[in-house]
Amino acid sequence: MSTDHRIRLRRPWQCQPTAGGLRWLRRFNWPARLGPGEQVWLVCERFAAGPVCATLNGRPLGTLAAGAVGRLEITAALALRNELWLEIASSPGADACSVDQPPGEVCLEIARVVQ
């Protein structure tokens, strides 16, 4: 697998406090450059807090450890319009919703499947 294109999911994010941390929402459309024989990966990097539980369009994707680079293959879960939720455990009393994006890098990587 080789990465052909990387799409950073920067602003706008929406944040909601939860009992155990924060939920971050980011909406995005179908990747325009996605072609046959390609896969889309959700990549989360530099999240100091964690774990990070990812959900796309209501479908749980998996849990990523804090401090690690996490990669989840999401091609089958993609729709024309998508809702990505990241639930992040945080320390009590932290007001991280005062910022406008999650505490780490989030991107989509489009990669050609080599057979």
C-alpha atoms as a PDB file:
ATOM      1  CA  MET A   1       0.000   0.000   0.000  1.00  0.00           C
ATOM      2  CA  SER A   2       1.317   3.444  -0.895  1.00  0.00           C
ATOM      3  CA  THR A   3      -0.303   6.716   0.166  1.00  0.00           C
ATOM      4  CA  ASP A   4      -1.393   8.720  -2.854  1.00  0.00           C
ATOM      5  CA  HIS A   5      -3.110  11.640  -1.152  1.00  0.00           C
ATOM      6  CA  ARG A   6      -3.584  13.033   2.348  1.00  0.00           C
ATOM      7  CA  ILE A   7      -6.539  15.210   3.410  1.00  0.00           C
ATOM      8  CA  ARG A   8      -6.178  16.996   6.748  1.00  0.00           C
ATOM      9  CA  LEU A   9      -9.432  17.322   8.679  1.00  0.00           C
ATOM     10  CA  ARG A  10      -8.938  20.742  10.192  1.00  0.00           C
ATOM     11  CA  ARG A  11     -11.637  23.194  11.197  1.00  0.00           C
ATOM     12  CA  PRO A  12     -14.607  23.236  11.562  1.00  0.00           C
ATOM     13  CA  TRP A  13     -14.969  20.760  14.423  1.00  0.00           C
ATOM     14  CA  GLN A  14     -17.745  20.800  17.011  1.00  0.00           C
ATOM     15  CA  CYS A  15     -17.189  19.733  20.606  1.00  0.00           C
ATOM     16  CA  GLN A  16     -19.512  18.277  23.256  1.00  0.00           C
ATOM     17  CA  PRO A  17     -18.511  17.508  26.850  1.00  0.00           C
ATOM     18  CA  THR A  18     -19.373  13.982  28.038  1.00  0.00           C
ATOM     19  CA  ALA A  19     -19.216  12.271  31.425  1.00  0.00           C
ATOM     20  CA  GLY A  20     -15.801  10.759  30.597  1.00  0.00           C
ATOM     21  CA  GLY A  21     -14.246  13.362  28.324  1.00  0.00           C
ATOM     22  CA  LEU A  22     -15.111  15.073  25.046  1.00  0.00           C
ATOM     23  CA  ARG A  23     -16.847  14.171  21.784  1.00  0.00           C
ATOM     24  CA  TRP A  24     -15.594  15.880  18.649  1.00  0.00           C
ATOM     25  CA  LEU A  25     -17.681  15.990  15.441  1.00  0.00           C
ATOM     26  CA  ARG A  26     -16.360  16.718  11.946  1.00  0.00           C
ATOM     27  CA  ARG A  27     -18.481  16.474   8.812  1.00  0.00           C
ATOM     28  CA  PHE A  28     -16.918  15.899   5.397  1.00  0.00           C
ATOM     29  CA  ASN A  29     -17.928  14.782   1.915  1.00  0.00           C
ATOM     30  CA  TRP A  30     -16.865  11.777  -0.152  1.00  0.00           C
ATOM     31  CA  PRO A  31     -13.179  12.239  -1.109  1.00  0.00           C
ATOM     32  CA  ALA A  32     -13.205  13.650  -4.640  1.00  0.00           C
ATOM     33  CA  ARG A  33     -10.076  11.825  -5.799  1.00  0.00           C
ATOM     34  CA  LEU A  34     -11.167   8.378  -4.645  1.00  0.00           C
ATOM     35  CA  GLY A  35     -10.886   5.922  -7.497  1.00  0.00           C
ATOM     36  CA  PRO A  36     -11.233   2.186  -8.038  1.00  0.00           C
ATOM     37  CA  GLY A  37      -8.586   0.138  -6.278  1.00  0.00           C
ATOM     38  CA  GLU A  38      -8.056   2.758  -3.567  1.00  0.00           C
ATOM     39  CA  GLN A  39      -8.730   2.633   0.156  1.00  0.00           C
ATOM     40  CA  VAL A  40      -9.345   5.435   2.635  1.00  0.00           C
ATOM     41  CA  TRP A  41      -7.708   5.375   6.049  1.00  0.00           C
ATOM     42  CA  LEU A  42      -8.522   7.545   9.060  1.00  0.00           C
ATOM     43  CA  VAL A  43      -5.247   8.555  10.702  1.00  0.00           C
ATOM     44  CA  CYS A  44      -5.002  10.119  14.174  1.00  0.00           C
ATOM     45  CA  GLU A  45      -1.638  11.429  15.383  1.00  0.00           C
ATOM     46  CA  ARG A  46      -0.275  13.283  18.414  1.00  0.00           C
ATOM     47  CA  PHE A  47      -3.251  12.726  20.724  1.00  0.00           C
ATOM     48  CA  ALA A  48      -1.795  13.016  24.241  1.00  0.00           C
ATOM     49  CA  ALA A  49      -5.150  12.253  25.862  1.00  0.00           C
ATOM     50  CA  GLY A  50      -6.874   9.006  25.177  1.00  0.00           C
ATOM     51  CA  PRO A  51      -7.987   6.496  24.319  1.00  0.00           C
ATOM     52  CA  VAL A  52      -9.742   7.842  21.211  1.00  0.00           C
ATOM     53  CA  CYS A  53     -12.909   5.988  20.104  1.00  0.00           C
ATOM     54  CA  ALA A  54     -13.801   6.685  16.461  1.00  0.00           C
ATOM     55  CA  THR A  55     -17.261   6.393  14.878  1.00  0.00           C
ATOM     56  CA  LEU A  56     -18.120   7.138  11.244  1.00  0.00           C
ATOM     57  CA  ASN A  57     -21.748   7.539  10.175  1.00  0.00           C
ATOM     58  CA  GLY A  58     -22.928   5.764  13.321  1.00  0.00           C
ATOM     59  CA  ARG A  59     -20.595   2.806  12.748  1.00  0.00           C
ATOM     60  CA  PRO A  60     -17.933   2.186  15.436  1.00  0.00           C
ATOM     61  CA  LEU A  61     -14.505   2.024  13.800  1.00  0.00           C
ATOM     62  CA  GLY A  62     -12.285   1.179  16.733  1.00  0.00           C
ATOM     63  CA  THR A  63     -10.278   2.581  19.612  1.00  0.00           C
ATOM     64  CA  LEU A  64      -6.859   4.180  19.273  1.00  0.00           C
ATOM     65  CA  ALA A  65      -4.292   4.397  22.066  1.00  0.00           C
ATOM     66  CA  ALA A  66      -3.116   7.784  23.321  1.00  0.00           C
ATOM     67  CA  GLY A  67       0.291   8.863  22.076  1.00  0.00           C
ATOM     68  CA  ALA A  68       0.370   6.408  19.175  1.00  0.00           C
ATOM     69  CA  VAL A  69      -0.311   6.928  15.482  1.00  0.00           C
ATOM     70  CA  GLY A  70      -3.640   5.240  14.873  1.00  0.00           C
ATOM     71  CA  ARG A  71      -4.823   4.033  11.470  1.00  0.00           C
ATOM     72  CA  LEU A  72      -8.291   2.690  10.721  1.00  0.00           C
ATOM     73  CA  GLU A  73      -9.447   1.586   7.254  1.00  0.00           C
ATOM     74  CA  ILE A  74     -12.804   3.328   6.591  1.00  0.00           C
ATOM     75  CA  THR A  75     -13.555   2.817   2.879  1.00  0.00           C
ATOM     76  CA  ALA A  76     -16.644   0.632   3.408  1.00  0.00           C
ATOM     77  CA  ALA A  77     -18.104   3.074   5.959  1.00  0.00           C
ATOM     78  CA  LEU A  78     -17.893   6.144   3.685  1.00  0.00           C
ATOM     79  CA  ALA A  79     -21.019   7.864   2.342  1.00  0.00           C
ATOM     80  CA  LEU A  80     -21.544  10.923   0.145  1.00  0.00           C
ATOM     81  CA  ARG A  81     -21.845  13.008   3.322  1.00  0.00           C
ATOM     82  CA  ASN A  82     -20.035  11.766   6.435  1.00  0.00           C
ATOM     83  CA  GLU A  83     -20.065  12.397  10.187  1.00  0.00           C
ATOM     84  CA  LEU A  84     -16.913  11.493  12.072  1.00  0.00           C
ATOM     85  CA  TRP A  85     -17.112  11.367  15.874  1.00  0.00           C
ATOM     86  CA  LEU A  86     -14.032  11.096  18.061  1.00  0.00           C
ATOM     87  CA  GLU A  87     -14.633  10.400  21.754  1.00  0.00           C
ATOM     88  CA  ILE A  88     -11.590  11.263  23.803  1.00  0.00           C
ATOM     89  CA  ALA A  89     -11.135  10.496  27.474  1.00  0.00           C
ATOM     90  CA  SER A  90      -9.831  13.527  29.341  1.00  0.00           C
ATOM     91  CA  SER A  91      -9.026  14.643  32.835  1.00  0.00           C
ATOM     92  CA  PRO A  92     -11.964  15.945  34.893  1.00  0.00           C
ATOM     93  CA  GLY A  93     -12.423  19.713  34.775  1.00  0.00           C
ATOM     94  CA  ALA A  94     -10.501  20.157  31.520  1.00  0.00           C
ATOM     95  CA  ASP A  95     -12.203  22.786  29.359  1.00  0.00           C
ATOM     96  CA  ALA A  96     -10.860  21.554  26.026  1.00  0.00           C
ATOM     97  CA  CYS A  97     -14.098  22.576  24.249  1.00  0.00           C
ATOM     98  CA  SER A  98     -12.814  26.144  24.377  1.00  0.00           C
ATOM     99  CA  VAL A  99     -10.586  25.309  21.385  1.00  0.00           C
ATOM    100  CA  ASP A 100     -11.974  24.656  17.908  1.00  0.00           C
ATOM    101  CA  GLN A 101     -10.347  21.349  17.019  1.00  0.00           C
ATOM    102  CA  PRO A 102      -9.363  18.113  18.759  1.00  0.00           C
ATOM    103  CA  PRO A 103      -6.036  17.852  20.591  1.00  0.00           C
ATOM    104  CA  GLY A 104      -4.227  16.023  17.789  1.00  0.00           C
ATOM    105  CA  GLU A 105      -3.924  15.653  14.016  1.00  0.00           C
ATOM    106  CA  VAL A 106      -6.741  13.958  12.106  1.00  0.00           C
ATOM    107  CA  CYS A 107      -6.516  13.177   8.406  1.00  0.00           C
ATOM    108  CA  LEU A 108      -7.723  10.866   5.679  1.00  0.00           C
ATOM    109  CA  GLU A 109      -5.149   8.982   3.639  1.00  0.00           C
ATOM    110  CA  ILE A 110      -6.110   7.682   0.228  1.00  0.00           C
ATOM    111  CA  ALA A 111      -3.950   4.755  -0.742  1.00  0.00           C
ATOM    112  CA  ARG A 112      -3.784   2.567  -3.826  1.00  0.00           C
ATOM    113  CA  VAL A 113      -4.053  -1.127  -3.013  1.00  0.00           C
ATOM    114  CA  VAL A 114      -1.072  -2.952  -4.503  1.00  0.00           C
ATOM    115  CA  GLN A 115      -1.931  -6.496  -5.543  1.00  0.00           C
END
